[in-house]
Amino acid sequence: MQRWLVFFTQLVILVLFLGGWEWLSRTNRINVLIFSAPSKIWQLFVDQLTNGTLLPHVTATVIETVIGFVLGTLLGTLLATLIWWSPFLSRVLDPYLVVANSMPKVAIGPLFIVGFGPGYLSIIAMGATISVVITTIVIYTSFREVNPNYIKVMQTLGADKKQIFRMAILPATIPTIVSTLKVNVGLSWVGVIVGEFLVSQKGLGYLIIYGFQVFNFTLVLMSLGVIAIVATLMYQAVAYLEKKINRPV
């Protein structure tokens, strides 16, 4: 009952927001040229979906985001494993991780354009880089917080470091890794959209930049709406995976 009440309240808030926006636009209480209106955005969405111009942009951005998302998560997990495995490497890289986490990742976009060229590779690299550092820090911290008694028991039984990691460390941190995926969904979208701002000729980021250039703010808002919908679907997919993994046996 509470779940349905929450859903109903969320729906009411959305309807009131869109209804108020539409009313303000129709009564000229806001600048329609800048803020557009939900009806205009919906009409543009239907038109572009019908004539087939929207789908290639959505497909390009989703593919880039998914690849960047997967690469960022895998590389972050691998780097966290290497740091946990070697205490020496942990001490060496710890200050560099702090510095890397504090740096604005979007500022290195031009470096990727020069290094990988103005194409998909630079955009995917941007999507992966923006999430790899936070993934490394979160998962490595989770590795260190595993109950040390588990490790002592396995060492007493003669387990080596590989067995400890495979049988104790990794299973205990699976929920944290899955939770990190939820954060990486948003980070990957940010990285890819920024990359498309800089170099792409296709994608939702390109549509946003193009809309600003030609003062078509309805196109900008429609692209943002599509991003919100697709990103939400990705987030819900990861949340579903997390619920499945954390379900009691």
C-alpha atoms as a PDB file:
ATOM      1  CA  MET A   1       0.000   0.000   0.000  1.00  0.00           C
ATOM      2  CA  GLN A   2       2.821   2.372   0.865  1.00  0.00           C
ATOM      3  CA  ARG A   3       4.590   1.554  -2.409  1.00  0.00           C
ATOM      4  CA  TRP A   4       1.496   2.482  -4.422  1.00  0.00           C
ATOM      5  CA  LEU A   5       1.079   5.652  -2.362  1.00  0.00           C
ATOM      6  CA  VAL A   6       4.659   6.678  -3.152  1.00  0.00           C
ATOM      7  CA  PHE A   7       4.127   5.959  -6.865  1.00  0.00           C
ATOM      8  CA  PHE A   8       0.872   7.936  -6.903  1.00  0.00           C
ATOM      9  CA  THR A   9       2.520  10.900  -5.159  1.00  0.00           C
ATOM     10  CA  GLN A  10       5.387  10.855  -7.662  1.00  0.00           C
ATOM     11  CA  LEU A  11       2.899  10.760 -10.530  1.00  0.00           C
ATOM     12  CA  VAL A  12       0.922  13.685  -9.099  1.00  0.00           C
ATOM     13  CA  ILE A  13       4.099  15.765  -8.746  1.00  0.00           C
ATOM     14  CA  LEU A  14       5.048  15.022 -12.365  1.00  0.00           C
ATOM     15  CA  VAL A  15       1.561  15.892 -13.672  1.00  0.00           C
ATOM     16  CA  LEU A  16       1.458  19.117 -11.659  1.00  0.00           C
ATOM     17  CA  PHE A  17       4.904  20.100 -12.888  1.00  0.00           C
ATOM     18  CA  LEU A  18       4.101  19.453 -16.558  1.00  0.00           C
ATOM     19  CA  GLY A  19       0.636  21.003 -16.237  1.00  0.00           C
ATOM     20  CA  GLY A  20       2.001  24.119 -14.579  1.00  0.00           C
ATOM     21  CA  TRP A  21       4.736  24.401 -17.186  1.00  0.00           C
ATOM     22  CA  GLU A  22       2.191  24.099 -20.000  1.00  0.00           C
ATOM     23  CA  TRP A  23      -0.104  26.684 -18.389  1.00  0.00           C
ATOM     24  CA  LEU A  24       2.736  29.170 -17.908  1.00  0.00           C
ATOM     25  CA  SER A  25       3.725  28.742 -21.551  1.00  0.00           C
ATOM     26  CA  ARG A  26       0.214  29.128 -22.950  1.00  0.00           C
ATOM     27  CA  THR A  27      -0.455  32.239 -20.858  1.00  0.00           C
ATOM     28  CA  ASN A  28       2.932  33.752 -21.839  1.00  0.00           C
ATOM     29  CA  ARG A  29       4.046  33.999 -18.232  1.00  0.00           C
ATOM     30  CA  ILE A  30       7.387  32.506 -19.263  1.00  0.00           C
ATOM     31  CA  ASN A  31       9.443  33.011 -22.407  1.00  0.00           C
ATOM     32  CA  VAL A  32       8.216  30.266 -24.744  1.00  0.00           C
ATOM     33  CA  LEU A  33      11.241  30.715 -27.014  1.00  0.00           C
ATOM     34  CA  ILE A  34      13.571  29.692 -24.183  1.00  0.00           C
ATOM     35  CA  PHE A  35      11.467  27.380 -22.011  1.00  0.00           C
ATOM     36  CA  SER A  36       9.216  25.953 -24.761  1.00  0.00           C
ATOM     37  CA  ALA A  37       6.228  23.880 -23.573  1.00  0.00           C
ATOM     38  CA  PRO A  38       5.587  20.185 -22.832  1.00  0.00           C
ATOM     39  CA  SER A  39       3.156  19.962 -25.768  1.00  0.00           C
ATOM     40  CA  LYS A  40       5.764  21.331 -28.195  1.00  0.00           C
ATOM     41  CA  ILE A  41       8.449  19.027 -26.836  1.00  0.00           C
ATOM     42  CA  TRP A  42       6.136  16.021 -27.155  1.00  0.00           C
ATOM     43  CA  GLN A  43       5.173  16.973 -30.701  1.00  0.00           C
ATOM     44  CA  LEU A  44       8.822  17.309 -31.719  1.00  0.00           C
ATOM     45  CA  PHE A  45       9.587  13.956 -30.096  1.00  0.00           C
ATOM     46  CA  VAL A  46       6.768  12.252 -32.014  1.00  0.00           C
ATOM     47  CA  ASP A  47       7.791  13.894 -35.293  1.00  0.00           C
ATOM     48  CA  GLN A  48      11.460  12.906 -34.982  1.00  0.00           C
ATOM     49  CA  LEU A  49      10.569   9.419 -33.842  1.00  0.00           C
ATOM     50  CA  THR A  50       8.179   8.990 -36.778  1.00  0.00           C
ATOM     51  CA  ASN A  51      10.528  10.228 -39.476  1.00  0.00           C
ATOM     52  CA  GLY A  52      13.424   8.198 -38.075  1.00  0.00           C
ATOM     53  CA  THR A  53      15.801  11.058 -37.273  1.00  0.00           C
ATOM     54  CA  LEU A  54      15.851  10.549 -33.493  1.00  0.00           C
ATOM     55  CA  LEU A  55      16.615   6.837 -33.218  1.00  0.00           C
ATOM     56  CA  PRO A  56      20.181   6.976 -34.688  1.00  0.00           C
ATOM     57  CA  HIS A  57      21.139   9.663 -32.176  1.00  0.00           C
ATOM     58  CA  VAL A  58      19.676   7.709 -29.246  1.00  0.00           C
ATOM     59  CA  THR A  59      21.336   4.487 -30.415  1.00  0.00           C
ATOM     60  CA  ALA A  60      24.755   6.125 -30.769  1.00  0.00           C
ATOM     61  CA  THR A  61      24.635   7.692 -27.315  1.00  0.00           C
ATOM     62  CA  VAL A  62      23.330   4.546 -25.605  1.00  0.00           C
ATOM     63  CA  ILE A  63      26.044   2.357 -27.187  1.00  0.00           C
ATOM     64  CA  GLU A  64      28.780   4.800 -26.179  1.00  0.00           C
ATOM     65  CA  THR A  65      27.390   5.066 -22.656  1.00  0.00           C
ATOM     66  CA  VAL A  66      27.046   1.316 -22.130  1.00  0.00           C
ATOM     67  CA  ILE A  67      30.587   0.645 -23.381  1.00  0.00           C
ATOM     68  CA  GLY A  68      32.024   3.465 -21.254  1.00  0.00           C
ATOM     69  CA  PHE A  69      29.985   2.259 -18.276  1.00  0.00           C
ATOM     70  CA  VAL A  70      31.239  -1.330 -18.587  1.00  0.00           C
ATOM     71  CA  LEU A  71      34.860  -0.317 -19.206  1.00  0.00           C
ATOM     72  CA  GLY A  72      34.895   2.143 -16.316  1.00  0.00           C
ATOM     73  CA  THR A  73      33.482  -0.435 -13.920  1.00  0.00           C
ATOM     74  CA  LEU A  74      35.796  -3.246 -15.055  1.00  0.00           C
ATOM     75  CA  LEU A  75      38.939  -1.097 -15.060  1.00  0.00           C
ATOM     76  CA  GLY A  76      38.056   0.381 -11.669  1.00  0.00           C
ATOM     77  CA  THR A  77      37.450  -3.063 -10.186  1.00  0.00           C
ATOM     78  CA  LEU A  78      40.696  -4.399 -11.679  1.00  0.00           C
ATOM     79  CA  LEU A  79      42.710  -1.459 -10.380  1.00  0.00           C
ATOM     80  CA  ALA A  80      41.142  -1.804  -6.919  1.00  0.00           C
ATOM     81  CA  THR A  81      42.088  -5.502  -6.932  1.00  0.00           C
ATOM     82  CA  LEU A  82      45.694  -4.727  -7.867  1.00  0.00           C
ATOM     83  CA  ILE A  83      45.971  -2.110  -5.126  1.00  0.00           C
ATOM     84  CA  TRP A  84      44.508  -4.496  -2.525  1.00  0.00           C
ATOM     85  CA  TRP A  85      46.840  -7.264  -3.686  1.00  0.00           C
ATOM     86  CA  SER A  86      49.990  -5.171  -3.253  1.00  0.00           C
ATOM     87  CA  PRO A  87      50.329  -3.113  -0.046  1.00  0.00           C
ATOM     88  CA  PHE A  88      53.342  -1.402  -1.620  1.00  0.00           C
ATOM     89  CA  LEU A  89      51.269  -0.369  -4.653  1.00  0.00           C
ATOM     90  CA  SER A  90      48.537   0.814  -2.313  1.00  0.00           C
ATOM     91  CA  ARG A  91      50.892   3.161  -0.479  1.00  0.00           C
ATOM     92  CA  VAL A  92      52.341   4.432  -3.752  1.00  0.00           C
ATOM     93  CA  LEU A  93      49.031   5.107  -5.523  1.00  0.00           C
ATOM     94  CA  ASP A  94      46.982   6.393  -2.594  1.00  0.00           C
ATOM     95  CA  PRO A  95      47.900  10.105  -2.990  1.00  0.00           C
ATOM     96  CA  TYR A  96      47.531   9.883  -6.761  1.00  0.00           C
ATOM     97  CA  LEU A  97      44.009   8.494  -6.409  1.00  0.00           C
ATOM     98  CA  VAL A  98      43.104  11.410  -4.135  1.00  0.00           C
ATOM     99  CA  VAL A  99      44.465  13.902  -6.674  1.00  0.00           C
ATOM    100  CA  ALA A 100      42.780  12.131  -9.600  1.00  0.00           C
ATOM    101  CA  ASN A 101      39.449  12.092  -7.780  1.00  0.00           C
ATOM    102  CA  SER A 102      39.631  15.845  -7.110  1.00  0.00           C
ATOM    103  CA  MET A 103      40.429  16.733 -10.725  1.00  0.00           C
ATOM    104  CA  PRO A 104      37.587  17.780 -13.085  1.00  0.00           C
ATOM    105  CA  LYS A 105      37.548  14.813 -15.460  1.00  0.00           C
ATOM    106  CA  VAL A 106      35.715  16.683 -18.201  1.00  0.00           C
ATOM    107  CA  ALA A 107      38.722  19.000 -18.487  1.00  0.00           C
ATOM    108  CA  ILE A 108      40.809  16.200 -20.013  1.00  0.00           C
ATOM    109  CA  GLY A 109      38.348  15.735 -22.872  1.00  0.00           C
ATOM    110  CA  PRO A 110      40.563  17.628 -25.356  1.00  0.00           C
ATOM    111  CA  LEU A 111      43.439  15.258 -24.523  1.00  0.00           C
ATOM    112  CA  PHE A 112      41.312  12.282 -25.552  1.00  0.00           C
ATOM    113  CA  ILE A 113      40.352  14.039 -28.780  1.00  0.00           C
ATOM    114  CA  VAL A 114      44.029  14.525 -29.630  1.00  0.00           C
ATOM    115  CA  GLY A 115      44.989  11.030 -28.522  1.00  0.00           C
ATOM    116  CA  PHE A 116      42.103   8.977 -29.940  1.00  0.00           C
ATOM    117  CA  GLY A 117      40.840  11.294 -32.663  1.00  0.00           C
ATOM    118  CA  PRO A 118      37.471  13.027 -33.020  1.00  0.00           C
ATOM    119  CA  GLY A 119      35.367   9.889 -33.032  1.00  0.00           C
ATOM    120  CA  TYR A 120      33.710   7.224 -30.934  1.00  0.00           C
ATOM    121  CA  LEU A 121      36.918   6.188 -29.152  1.00  0.00           C
ATOM    122  CA  SER A 122      37.439   9.578 -27.515  1.00  0.00           C
ATOM    123  CA  ILE A 123      33.796   9.715 -26.406  1.00  0.00           C
ATOM    124  CA  ILE A 124      33.900   6.200 -24.928  1.00  0.00           C
ATOM    125  CA  ALA A 125      37.209   6.989 -23.211  1.00  0.00           C
ATOM    126  CA  MET A 126      35.593  10.054 -21.679  1.00  0.00           C
ATOM    127  CA  GLY A 127      32.657   8.007 -20.417  1.00  0.00           C
ATOM    128  CA  ALA A 128      34.955   5.395 -18.888  1.00  0.00           C
ATOM    129  CA  THR A 129      37.475   7.780 -17.332  1.00  0.00           C
ATOM    130  CA  ILE A 130      34.909   9.806 -15.465  1.00  0.00           C
ATOM    131  CA  SER A 131      33.808   6.731 -13.484  1.00  0.00           C
ATOM    132  CA  VAL A 132      36.979   4.640 -13.169  1.00  0.00           C
ATOM    133  CA  VAL A 133      38.583   6.640 -10.327  1.00  0.00           C
ATOM    134  CA  ILE A 134      35.538   6.700  -8.055  1.00  0.00           C
ATOM    135  CA  THR A 135      34.968   3.001  -8.787  1.00  0.00           C
ATOM    136  CA  THR A 136      38.544   2.210  -7.768  1.00  0.00           C
ATOM    137  CA  ILE A 137      38.308   4.162  -4.518  1.00  0.00           C
ATOM    138  CA  VAL A 138      34.913   2.790  -3.470  1.00  0.00           C
ATOM    139  CA  ILE A 139      35.691  -0.863  -4.244  1.00  0.00           C
ATOM    140  CA  TYR A 140      39.195  -0.744  -2.754  1.00  0.00           C
ATOM    141  CA  THR A 141      37.752   0.753   0.442  1.00  0.00           C
ATOM    142  CA  SER A 142      35.183  -2.038   0.484  1.00  0.00           C
ATOM    143  CA  PHE A 143      37.947  -4.643   0.104  1.00  0.00           C
ATOM    144  CA  ARG A 144      39.748  -3.213   3.134  1.00  0.00           C
ATOM    145  CA  GLU A 145      36.589  -3.180   5.259  1.00  0.00           C
ATOM    146  CA  VAL A 146      35.913  -6.909   4.922  1.00  0.00           C
ATOM    147  CA  ASN A 147      35.822  -8.535   8.356  1.00  0.00           C
ATOM    148  CA  PRO A 148      39.484  -9.399   9.135  1.00  0.00           C
ATOM    149  CA  ASN A 149      38.369 -12.461  11.075  1.00  0.00           C
ATOM    150  CA  TYR A 150      37.379 -14.088   7.768  1.00  0.00           C
ATOM    151  CA  ILE A 151      40.907 -13.611   6.494  1.00  0.00           C
ATOM    152  CA  LYS A 152      42.488 -14.901   9.723  1.00  0.00           C
ATOM    153  CA  VAL A 153      40.385 -18.059   9.650  1.00  0.00           C
ATOM    154  CA  MET A 154      41.329 -18.776   6.027  1.00  0.00           C
ATOM    155  CA  GLN A 155      45.009 -18.092   6.739  1.00  0.00           C
ATOM    156  CA  THR A 156      44.838 -20.489   9.666  1.00  0.00           C
ATOM    157  CA  LEU A 157      43.460 -23.123   7.301  1.00  0.00           C
ATOM    158  CA  GLY A 158      46.373 -22.556   4.922  1.00  0.00           C
ATOM    159  CA  ALA A 159      44.650 -20.451   2.233  1.00  0.00           C
ATOM    160  CA  ASP A 160      46.869 -18.340  -0.005  1.00  0.00           C
ATOM    161  CA  LYS A 161      46.121 -14.767  -1.054  1.00  0.00           C
ATOM    162  CA  LYS A 162      44.381 -15.814  -4.252  1.00  0.00           C
ATOM    163  CA  GLN A 163      42.013 -18.116  -2.370  1.00  0.00           C
ATOM    164  CA  ILE A 164      41.336 -15.436   0.256  1.00  0.00           C
ATOM    165  CA  PHE A 165      40.383 -12.953  -2.432  1.00  0.00           C
ATOM    166  CA  ARG A 166      38.237 -15.402  -4.391  1.00  0.00           C
ATOM    167  CA  MET A 167      36.435 -16.970  -1.423  1.00  0.00           C
ATOM    168  CA  ALA A 168      36.212 -14.126   1.111  1.00  0.00           C
ATOM    169  CA  ILE A 169      37.029 -10.653  -0.199  1.00  0.00           C
ATOM    170  CA  LEU A 170      35.194 -10.705  -3.522  1.00  0.00           C
ATOM    171  CA  PRO A 171      31.942 -12.361  -2.344  1.00  0.00           C
ATOM    172  CA  ALA A 172      31.737  -9.974   0.619  1.00  0.00           C
ATOM    173  CA  THR A 173      32.042  -6.913  -1.628  1.00  0.00           C
ATOM    174  CA  ILE A 174      29.690  -7.958  -4.450  1.00  0.00           C
ATOM    175  CA  PRO A 175      26.851  -5.772  -3.040  1.00  0.00           C
ATOM    176  CA  THR A 176      29.195  -2.760  -2.981  1.00  0.00           C
ATOM    177  CA  ILE A 177      30.301  -3.419  -6.555  1.00  0.00           C
ATOM    178  CA  VAL A 178      26.687  -3.585  -7.705  1.00  0.00           C
ATOM    179  CA  SER A 179      25.863  -0.395  -5.798  1.00  0.00           C
ATOM    180  CA  THR A 180      28.786   1.287  -7.545  1.00  0.00           C
ATOM    181  CA  LEU A 181      27.160   0.416 -10.867  1.00  0.00           C
ATOM    182  CA  LYS A 182      24.246   2.698  -9.950  1.00  0.00           C
ATOM    183  CA  VAL A 183      26.630   5.610  -9.452  1.00  0.00           C
ATOM    184  CA  ASN A 184      28.497   4.788 -12.662  1.00  0.00           C
ATOM    185  CA  VAL A 185      25.305   4.998 -14.715  1.00  0.00           C
ATOM    186  CA  GLY A 186      25.052   8.723 -14.075  1.00  0.00           C
ATOM    187  CA  LEU A 187      28.788   9.330 -14.361  1.00  0.00           C
ATOM    188  CA  SER A 188      29.009   7.515 -17.690  1.00  0.00           C
ATOM    189  CA  TRP A 189      26.150   9.585 -19.101  1.00  0.00           C
ATOM    190  CA  VAL A 190      27.900  12.785 -18.036  1.00  0.00           C
ATOM    191  CA  GLY A 191      31.165  11.711 -19.666  1.00  0.00           C
ATOM    192  CA  VAL A 192      29.558  10.632 -22.939  1.00  0.00           C
ATOM    193  CA  ILE A 193      27.372  13.724 -23.282  1.00  0.00           C
ATOM    194  CA  VAL A 194      30.363  15.993 -22.643  1.00  0.00           C
ATOM    195  CA  GLY A 195      32.347  14.024 -25.213  1.00  0.00           C
ATOM    196  CA  GLU A 196      29.552  14.457 -27.739  1.00  0.00           C
ATOM    197  CA  PHE A 197      29.516  18.173 -26.989  1.00  0.00           C
ATOM    198  CA  LEU A 198      33.129  18.346 -28.102  1.00  0.00           C
ATOM    199  CA  VAL A 199      33.454  16.104 -31.153  1.00  0.00           C
ATOM    200  CA  SER A 200      30.377  14.124 -32.129  1.00  0.00           C
ATOM    201  CA  GLN A 201      28.259  14.564 -35.237  1.00  0.00           C
ATOM    202  CA  LYS A 202      25.659  12.156 -33.907  1.00  0.00           C
ATOM    203  CA  GLY A 203      24.094  11.558 -30.524  1.00  0.00           C
ATOM    204  CA  LEU A 204      21.925  13.286 -27.950  1.00  0.00           C
ATOM    205  CA  GLY A 205      24.807  15.511 -26.868  1.00  0.00           C
ATOM    206  CA  TYR A 206      25.185  16.639 -30.464  1.00  0.00           C
ATOM    207  CA  LEU A 207      21.462  17.442 -30.634  1.00  0.00           C
ATOM    208  CA  ILE A 208      21.754  19.584 -27.500  1.00  0.00           C
ATOM    209  CA  ILE A 209      24.679  21.577 -28.887  1.00  0.00           C
ATOM    210  CA  TYR A 210      22.988  21.910 -32.270  1.00  0.00           C
ATOM    211  CA  GLY A 211      19.792  23.106 -30.604  1.00  0.00           C
ATOM    212  CA  PHE A 212      21.681  25.827 -28.765  1.00  0.00           C
ATOM    213  CA  GLN A 213      23.449  26.914 -31.946  1.00  0.00           C
ATOM    214  CA  VAL A 214      20.197  27.387 -33.888  1.00  0.00           C
ATOM    215  CA  PHE A 215      18.213  28.639 -30.843  1.00  0.00           C
ATOM    216  CA  ASN A 216      15.901  25.635 -31.013  1.00  0.00           C
ATOM    217  CA  PHE A 217      15.425  25.161 -27.275  1.00  0.00           C
ATOM    218  CA  THR A 218      12.558  22.747 -27.840  1.00  0.00           C
ATOM    219  CA  LEU A 219      15.115  20.372 -29.392  1.00  0.00           C
ATOM    220  CA  VAL A 220      17.424  20.904 -26.414  1.00  0.00           C
ATOM    221  CA  LEU A 221      14.715  20.126 -23.877  1.00  0.00           C
ATOM    222  CA  MET A 222      13.494  17.126 -25.878  1.00  0.00           C
ATOM    223  CA  SER A 223      17.042  15.705 -25.923  1.00  0.00           C
ATOM    224  CA  LEU A 224      17.360  16.241 -22.175  1.00  0.00           C
ATOM    225  CA  GLY A 225      14.041  14.463 -21.661  1.00  0.00           C
ATOM    226  CA  VAL A 226      15.180  11.475 -23.722  1.00  0.00           C
ATOM    227  CA  ILE A 227      18.433  11.341 -21.744  1.00  0.00           C
ATOM    228  CA  ALA A 228      16.474  11.367 -18.485  1.00  0.00           C
ATOM    229  CA  ILE A 229      14.229   8.510 -19.643  1.00  0.00           C
ATOM    230  CA  VAL A 230      17.017   6.262 -20.976  1.00  0.00           C
ATOM    231  CA  ALA A 231      19.291   6.944 -17.988  1.00  0.00           C
ATOM    232  CA  THR A 232      16.419   6.083 -15.646  1.00  0.00           C
ATOM    233  CA  LEU A 233      15.862   2.791 -17.456  1.00  0.00           C
ATOM    234  CA  MET A 234      19.562   1.921 -17.107  1.00  0.00           C
ATOM    235  CA  TYR A 235      19.466   2.845 -13.433  1.00  0.00           C
ATOM    236  CA  GLN A 236      16.383   0.714 -12.829  1.00  0.00           C
ATOM    237  CA  ALA A 237      18.045  -2.237 -14.574  1.00  0.00           C
ATOM    238  CA  VAL A 238      21.036  -1.976 -12.234  1.00  0.00           C
ATOM    239  CA  ALA A 239      18.719  -1.542  -9.230  1.00  0.00           C
ATOM    240  CA  TYR A 240      16.871  -4.712 -10.264  1.00  0.00           C
ATOM    241  CA  LEU A 241      20.199  -6.555 -10.489  1.00  0.00           C
ATOM    242  CA  GLU A 242      21.144  -5.280  -7.042  1.00  0.00           C
ATOM    243  CA  LYS A 243      17.847  -6.483  -5.599  1.00  0.00           C
ATOM    244  CA  LYS A 244      18.345  -9.932  -7.131  1.00  0.00           C
ATOM    245  CA  ILE A 245      21.879 -10.245  -5.761  1.00  0.00           C
ATOM    246  CA  ASN A 246      21.012  -8.973  -2.267  1.00  0.00           C
ATOM    247  CA  ARG A 247      17.881 -11.131  -1.980  1.00  0.00           C
ATOM    248  CA  PRO A 248      18.177 -13.482   1.005  1.00  0.00           C
ATOM    249  CA  VAL A 249      18.608 -17.136   0.065  1.00  0.00           C
END
